Amino acid sequence: MMTALVTGATQGIGLEHARQFLDRGWRVLATCRKDSPRQDLEILAARFRSALRIREMDVTSGSDVAASAAAWSGEAIDVLLNNAGTFGPSGAPEGMAYQGLDHMDYAIWRQILEVNLLGAFRVAVAF
């Protein structure tokens, strides 16, 4: 059985990829932040039972990523879908108010880079 690790699996693209992997008979290791709504992921877990394993992991936390890598160290991961990401406190198009070149909020930009760039790299290295 093939195994996929999907970060940011509670909604949107991550949830849909997890669903599609499961529908094709894959095992899925799904991660989500502690504060993420997981109702849809829990529905998948009930449907696919042992094929879906869920773990809290914030990609910006080195200790979270290391703990998850240790917990799943015996797993052969065939696909890493580094999906966890952010556009800041508001999604598009509202987020353009703080993303423009003439009015960049650098604190938000740092958080975006921490999640979308460094977090993805941290996960890739750990797994």
N, C-alpha and C. Protein backbone atom coordinates (compact mmCIF):
# COMPACT_ATOMS: atom_id res chain seq x y z
N MET A 1 0.85 -1.18 0.00
CA MET A 1 0.00 0.00 0.00
C MET A 1 0.89 1.24 0.00
N MET A 2 0.56 2.19 -0.83
CA MET A 2 1.28 3.45 -0.92
C MET A 2 0.82 4.37 0.22
N THR A 3 1.73 5.24 0.66
CA THR A 3 1.44 6.15 1.76
C THR A 3 1.77 7.58 1.36
N ALA A 4 0.85 8.48 1.65
CA ALA A 4 1.06 9.92 1.41
C ALA A 4 1.00 10.65 2.74
N LEU A 5 1.90 11.61 2.91
CA LEU A 5 1.86 12.53 4.04
C LEU A 5 1.33 13.85 3.51
N VAL A 6 0.22 14.32 4.07
CA VAL A 6 -0.42 15.55 3.63
C VAL A 6 -0.44 16.53 4.79
N THR A 7 0.27 17.65 4.65
CA THR A 7 0.22 18.70 5.68
C THR A 7 -0.94 19.63 5.37
N GLY A 8 -1.49 20.24 6.39
CA GLY A 8 -2.62 21.16 6.19
C GLY A 8 -3.82 20.45 5.61
N ALA A 9 -4.18 19.30 6.20
CA ALA A 9 -5.19 18.41 5.61
C ALA A 9 -6.61 18.63 6.09
N THR A 10 -6.88 19.72 6.80
CA THR A 10 -8.23 19.88 7.37
C THR A 10 -9.24 20.53 6.44
N GLN A 11 -8.77 21.19 5.40
CA GLN A 11 -9.71 21.90 4.52
C GLN A 11 -9.09 22.10 3.15
N GLY A 12 -9.90 22.55 2.23
CA GLY A 12 -9.44 22.96 0.90
C GLY A 12 -8.65 21.89 0.16
N ILE A 13 -7.55 22.31 -0.42
CA ILE A 13 -6.74 21.44 -1.27
C ILE A 13 -6.18 20.26 -0.48
N GLY A 14 -5.72 20.49 0.74
CA GLY A 14 -5.16 19.40 1.53
C GLY A 14 -6.19 18.33 1.84
N LEU A 15 -7.38 18.73 2.23
CA LEU A 15 -8.45 17.78 2.52
C LEU A 15 -8.83 17.01 1.26
N GLU A 16 -8.95 17.70 0.16
CA GLU A 16 -9.33 17.03 -1.09
C GLU A 16 -8.26 16.05 -1.55
N HIS A 17 -7.00 16.41 -1.42
CA HIS A 17 -5.93 15.46 -1.78
C HIS A 17 -5.97 14.24 -0.86
N ALA A 18 -6.17 14.46 0.43
CA ALA A 18 -6.27 13.32 1.36
C ALA A 18 -7.42 12.41 0.93
N ARG A 19 -8.55 12.99 0.61
CA ARG A 19 -9.72 12.22 0.18
C ARG A 19 -9.42 11.41 -1.08
N GLN A 20 -8.78 12.06 -2.04
CA GLN A 20 -8.48 11.36 -3.30
C GLN A 20 -7.47 10.24 -3.11
N PHE A 21 -6.44 10.46 -2.29
CA PHE A 21 -5.50 9.38 -1.99
C PHE A 21 -6.23 8.20 -1.35
N LEU A 22 -7.09 8.49 -0.36
CA LEU A 22 -7.83 7.43 0.32
C LEU A 22 -8.76 6.69 -0.63
N ASP A 23 -9.44 7.42 -1.50
CA ASP A 23 -10.34 6.79 -2.48
C ASP A 23 -9.59 5.84 -3.41
N ARG A 24 -8.30 6.08 -3.60
CA ARG A 24 -7.48 5.23 -4.48
C ARG A 24 -6.77 4.11 -3.71
N GLY A 25 -7.11 3.97 -2.44
CA GLY A 25 -6.56 2.87 -1.66
C GLY A 25 -5.24 3.16 -0.97
N TRP A 26 -4.83 4.41 -0.92
CA TRP A 26 -3.60 4.79 -0.23
C TRP A 26 -3.85 4.92 1.26
N ARG A 27 -2.77 4.83 2.04
CA ARG A 27 -2.80 5.25 3.44
C ARG A 27 -2.43 6.72 3.44
N VAL A 28 -3.02 7.47 4.36
CA VAL A 28 -2.73 8.90 4.45
C VAL A 28 -2.35 9.24 5.89
N LEU A 29 -1.22 9.93 6.01
CA LEU A 29 -0.80 10.53 7.27
C LEU A 29 -1.13 12.00 7.13
N ALA A 30 -2.11 12.46 7.86
CA ALA A 30 -2.62 13.82 7.72
C ALA A 30 -2.22 14.66 8.92
N THR A 31 -1.74 15.88 8.65
CA THR A 31 -1.40 16.77 9.75
C THR A 31 -2.27 18.02 9.71
N CYS A 32 -2.42 18.60 10.90
CA CYS A 32 -3.20 19.83 11.02
C CYS A 32 -2.72 20.58 12.24
N ARG A 33 -2.94 21.89 12.22
CA ARG A 33 -2.63 22.69 13.40
C ARG A 33 -3.64 22.38 14.51
N LYS A 34 -3.22 22.66 15.73
CA LYS A 34 -4.08 22.40 16.89
C LYS A 34 -5.41 23.13 16.79
N ASP A 35 -5.40 24.35 16.25
CA ASP A 35 -6.63 25.16 16.21
C ASP A 35 -7.42 25.01 14.91
N SER A 36 -7.04 24.06 14.06
CA SER A 36 -7.75 23.88 12.80
C SER A 36 -9.07 23.13 13.00
N PRO A 37 -10.12 23.56 12.30
CA PRO A 37 -11.38 22.81 12.37
C PRO A 37 -11.19 21.47 11.66
N ARG A 38 -11.53 20.37 12.31
CA ARG A 38 -11.26 19.06 11.72
C ARG A 38 -12.49 18.23 11.42
N GLN A 39 -13.65 18.80 11.44
CA GLN A 39 -14.86 18.01 11.25
C GLN A 39 -14.80 17.18 9.97
N ASP A 40 -14.42 17.77 8.86
CA ASP A 40 -14.40 17.04 7.59
C ASP A 40 -13.33 15.96 7.59
N LEU A 41 -12.20 16.23 8.22
CA LEU A 41 -11.14 15.23 8.30
C LEU A 41 -11.57 14.07 9.20
N GLU A 42 -12.30 14.37 10.27
CA GLU A 42 -12.80 13.31 11.16
C GLU A 42 -13.84 12.44 10.44
N ILE A 43 -14.62 13.03 9.56
CA ILE A 43 -15.58 12.25 8.75
C ILE A 43 -14.81 11.26 7.88
N LEU A 44 -13.73 11.74 7.26
CA LEU A 44 -12.89 10.83 6.46
C LEU A 44 -12.30 9.73 7.33
N ALA A 45 -11.86 10.09 8.52
CA ALA A 45 -11.27 9.10 9.43
C ALA A 45 -12.28 8.00 9.77
N ALA A 46 -13.52 8.39 10.00
CA ALA A 46 -14.56 7.40 10.30
C ALA A 46 -14.82 6.50 9.10
N ARG A 47 -14.75 7.07 7.93
CA ARG A 47 -15.02 6.31 6.70
C ARG A 47 -13.87 5.37 6.34
N PHE A 48 -12.65 5.83 6.53
CA PHE A 48 -11.49 5.05 6.08
C PHE A 48 -10.72 4.37 7.20
N ARG A 49 -11.16 4.53 8.41
CA ARG A 49 -10.61 3.90 9.62
C ARG A 49 -9.09 3.90 9.65
N SER A 50 -8.46 2.75 9.58
CA SER A 50 -7.01 2.66 9.80
C SER A 50 -6.17 3.20 8.64
N ALA A 51 -6.78 3.52 7.51
CA ALA A 51 -6.03 4.05 6.38
C ALA A 51 -5.67 5.52 6.56
N LEU A 52 -6.33 6.19 7.49
CA LEU A 52 -6.07 7.62 7.73
C LEU A 52 -5.62 7.81 9.17
N ARG A 53 -4.44 8.38 9.32
CA ARG A 53 -3.92 8.73 10.65
C ARG A 53 -3.75 10.24 10.71
N ILE A 54 -4.24 10.84 11.79
CA ILE A 54 -4.22 12.30 11.95
C ILE A 54 -3.31 12.66 13.10
N ARG A 55 -2.51 13.70 12.89
CA ARG A 55 -1.60 14.17 13.94
C ARG A 55 -1.54 15.69 13.90
N GLU A 56 -1.58 16.30 15.08
CA GLU A 56 -1.39 17.75 15.17
C GLU A 56 0.07 18.07 14.88
N MET A 57 0.29 19.03 13.99
CA MET A 57 1.65 19.45 13.68
C MET A 57 1.60 20.84 13.07
N ASP A 58 2.26 21.78 13.71
CA ASP A 58 2.40 23.13 13.18
C ASP A 58 3.74 23.17 12.46
N VAL A 59 3.73 23.44 11.17
CA VAL A 59 4.97 23.41 10.38
C VAL A 59 5.96 24.48 10.79
N THR A 60 5.51 25.48 11.56
CA THR A 60 6.44 26.52 12.03
C THR A 60 7.14 26.11 13.32
N SER A 61 6.77 24.98 13.87
CA SER A 61 7.35 24.50 15.14
C SER A 61 8.32 23.36 14.87
N GLY A 62 9.59 23.62 15.09
CA GLY A 62 10.59 22.58 14.91
C GLY A 62 10.31 21.37 15.79
N SER A 63 9.86 21.61 17.02
CA SER A 63 9.59 20.48 17.92
C SER A 63 8.36 19.68 17.46
N ASP A 64 7.34 20.34 16.93
CA ASP A 64 6.17 19.61 16.39
C ASP A 64 6.58 18.73 15.23
N VAL A 65 7.35 19.30 14.31
CA VAL A 65 7.76 18.55 13.12
C VAL A 65 8.65 17.38 13.52
N ALA A 66 9.60 17.61 14.43
CA ALA A 66 10.48 16.54 14.88
C ALA A 66 9.70 15.43 15.58
N ALA A 67 8.73 15.80 16.40
CA ALA A 67 7.92 14.80 17.10
C ALA A 67 7.10 13.97 16.12
N SER A 68 6.56 14.61 15.10
CA SER A 68 5.79 13.87 14.09
C SER A 68 6.69 12.95 13.28
N ALA A 69 7.85 13.44 12.91
CA ALA A 69 8.80 12.61 12.17
C ALA A 69 9.21 11.39 13.01
N ALA A 70 9.42 11.60 14.30
CA ALA A 70 9.78 10.48 15.18
C ALA A 70 8.61 9.50 15.32
N ALA A 71 7.40 10.03 15.47
CA ALA A 71 6.22 9.17 15.64
C ALA A 71 5.97 8.32 14.40
N TRP A 72 6.27 8.87 13.24
CA TRP A 72 6.03 8.14 11.99
C TRP A 72 7.33 7.66 11.35
N SER A 73 8.37 7.49 12.14
CA SER A 73 9.68 7.12 11.58
C SER A 73 9.67 5.76 10.90
N GLY A 74 8.78 4.88 11.29
CA GLY A 74 8.71 3.56 10.66
C GLY A 74 7.88 3.53 9.40
N GLU A 75 7.31 4.64 9.02
CA GLU A 75 6.45 4.70 7.84
C GLU A 75 7.26 4.99 6.58
N ALA A 76 7.02 4.24 5.55
CA ALA A 76 7.61 4.55 4.24
C ALA A 76 6.67 5.52 3.54
N ILE A 77 7.10 6.74 3.37
CA ILE A 77 6.25 7.77 2.75
C ILE A 77 6.60 7.86 1.27
N ASP A 78 5.60 7.58 0.44
CA ASP A 78 5.80 7.59 -1.00
C ASP A 78 5.62 8.98 -1.60
N VAL A 79 4.69 9.75 -1.02
CA VAL A 79 4.43 11.12 -1.51
C VAL A 79 4.31 12.04 -0.31
N LEU A 80 5.05 13.14 -0.36
CA LEU A 80 4.92 14.21 0.63
C LEU A 80 4.22 15.36 -0.06
N LEU A 81 3.00 15.66 0.37
CA LEU A 81 2.26 16.80 -0.17
C LEU A 81 2.33 17.91 0.87
N ASN A 82 3.28 18.80 0.68
CA ASN A 82 3.53 19.90 1.60
C ASN A 82 2.53 21.00 1.31
N ASN A 83 1.31 20.82 1.79
CA ASN A 83 0.20 21.69 1.46
C ASN A 83 -0.04 22.82 2.46
N ALA A 84 0.40 22.67 3.70
CA ALA A 84 0.14 23.69 4.72
C ALA A 84 0.64 25.04 4.23
N GLY A 85 -0.20 26.04 4.33
CA GLY A 85 0.18 27.36 3.86
C GLY A 85 -0.76 28.43 4.37
N THR A 86 -0.36 29.67 4.17
CA THR A 86 -1.18 30.79 4.61
C THR A 86 -1.03 31.95 3.64
N PHE A 87 -2.02 32.81 3.65
CA PHE A 87 -2.00 34.05 2.89
C PHE A 87 -2.07 35.22 3.86
N GLY A 88 -1.93 34.89 5.13
CA GLY A 88 -2.05 35.91 6.17
C GLY A 88 -3.39 35.79 6.86
N PRO A 89 -3.75 36.78 7.65
CA PRO A 89 -4.97 36.69 8.45
C PRO A 89 -6.26 36.69 7.62
N SER A 90 -6.20 37.18 6.39
CA SER A 90 -7.37 37.14 5.49
C SER A 90 -6.95 36.50 4.20
N GLY A 91 -7.86 35.78 3.60
CA GLY A 91 -7.57 35.18 2.30
C GLY A 91 -7.71 36.19 1.18
N ALA A 92 -7.55 35.72 -0.03
CA ALA A 92 -7.73 36.58 -1.20
C ALA A 92 -9.24 36.76 -1.42
N PRO A 93 -9.70 37.88 -1.89
CA PRO A 93 -8.94 39.06 -2.31
C PRO A 93 -8.68 40.06 -1.17
N GLU A 94 -9.29 39.83 0.02
CA GLU A 94 -9.11 40.79 1.12
C GLU A 94 -7.65 40.97 1.49
N GLY A 95 -6.88 39.90 1.38
CA GLY A 95 -5.49 39.94 1.76
C GLY A 95 -4.64 40.88 0.93
N MET A 96 -5.12 41.27 -0.23
CA MET A 96 -4.35 42.18 -1.07
C MET A 96 -4.17 43.54 -0.39
N ALA A 97 -4.99 43.84 0.60
CA ALA A 97 -4.85 45.12 1.31
C ALA A 97 -3.54 45.21 2.08
N TYR A 98 -3.01 44.07 2.50
CA TYR A 98 -1.73 44.11 3.22
C TYR A 98 -0.61 43.42 2.44
N GLN A 99 -0.86 43.04 1.21
CA GLN A 99 0.14 42.37 0.39
C GLN A 99 0.70 43.24 -0.73
N GLY A 100 0.21 44.45 -0.87
CA GLY A 100 0.64 45.30 -1.98
C GLY A 100 2.06 45.85 -1.78
N LEU A 101 2.73 46.14 -2.85
CA LEU A 101 4.09 46.68 -2.78
C LEU A 101 4.13 48.03 -2.09
N ASP A 102 3.06 48.78 -2.20
CA ASP A 102 3.05 50.12 -1.60
C ASP A 102 2.58 50.14 -0.15
N HIS A 103 2.19 49.01 0.39
CA HIS A 103 1.71 48.96 1.78
C HIS A 103 1.90 47.57 2.39
N MET A 104 3.12 47.09 2.34
CA MET A 104 3.42 45.76 2.85
C MET A 104 3.47 45.75 4.38
N ASP A 105 2.78 44.81 4.97
CA ASP A 105 2.86 44.59 6.42
C ASP A 105 3.93 43.51 6.62
N TYR A 106 5.11 43.93 7.04
CA TYR A 106 6.25 43.01 7.12
C TYR A 106 6.09 41.93 8.18
N ALA A 107 5.34 42.19 9.24
CA ALA A 107 5.11 41.15 10.25
C ALA A 107 4.28 40.01 9.64
N ILE A 108 3.27 40.36 8.86
CA ILE A 108 2.46 39.34 8.18
C ILE A 108 3.31 38.61 7.15
N TRP A 109 4.11 39.34 6.41
CA TRP A 109 4.97 38.74 5.39
C TRP A 109 5.94 37.73 6.03
N ARG A 110 6.50 38.07 7.20
CA ARG A 110 7.39 37.13 7.89
C ARG A 110 6.65 35.84 8.25
N GLN A 111 5.42 35.98 8.74
CA GLN A 111 4.64 34.79 9.08
C GLN A 111 4.33 33.96 7.84
N ILE A 112 4.01 34.61 6.74
CA ILE A 112 3.75 33.89 5.49
C ILE A 112 4.99 33.11 5.07
N LEU A 113 6.15 33.75 5.13
CA LEU A 113 7.39 33.06 4.76
C LEU A 113 7.70 31.92 5.73
N GLU A 114 7.43 32.12 7.01
CA GLU A 114 7.69 31.08 8.00
C GLU A 114 6.87 29.83 7.70
N VAL A 115 5.60 30.01 7.36
CA VAL A 115 4.74 28.86 7.07
C VAL A 115 5.01 28.30 5.68
N ASN A 116 4.92 29.14 4.66
CA ASN A 116 4.93 28.67 3.28
C ASN A 116 6.30 28.25 2.76
N LEU A 117 7.35 28.85 3.26
CA LEU A 117 8.69 28.54 2.78
C LEU A 117 9.46 27.70 3.80
N LEU A 118 9.72 28.28 4.96
CA LEU A 118 10.53 27.58 5.95
C LEU A 118 9.82 26.35 6.50
N GLY A 119 8.50 26.45 6.72
CA GLY A 119 7.75 25.30 7.21
C GLY A 119 7.80 24.13 6.24
N ALA A 120 7.59 24.43 4.97
CA ALA A 120 7.63 23.37 3.95
C ALA A 120 9.01 22.73 3.90
N PHE A 121 10.05 23.54 3.97
CA PHE A 121 11.42 23.01 3.95
C PHE A 121 11.69 22.17 5.21
N ARG A 122 11.26 22.66 6.36
CA ARG A 122 11.44 21.94 7.62
C ARG A 122 10.82 20.55 7.54
N VAL A 123 9.61 20.46 7.00
CA VAL A 123 8.92 19.17 6.87
C VAL A 123 9.66 18.27 5.88
N ALA A 124 10.07 18.81 4.76
CA ALA A 124 10.79 18.01 3.76
C ALA A 124 12.07 17.42 4.33
N VAL A 125 12.81 18.21 5.07
CA VAL A 125 14.06 17.73 5.68
C VAL A 125 13.77 16.66 6.73
N ALA A 126 12.77 16.88 7.57
CA ALA A 126 12.47 15.95 8.67
C ALA A 126 11.96 14.61 8.17
N PHE A 127 11.20 14.60 7.09
CA PHE A 127 10.62 13.37 6.60
C PHE A 127 11.38 12.78 5.43
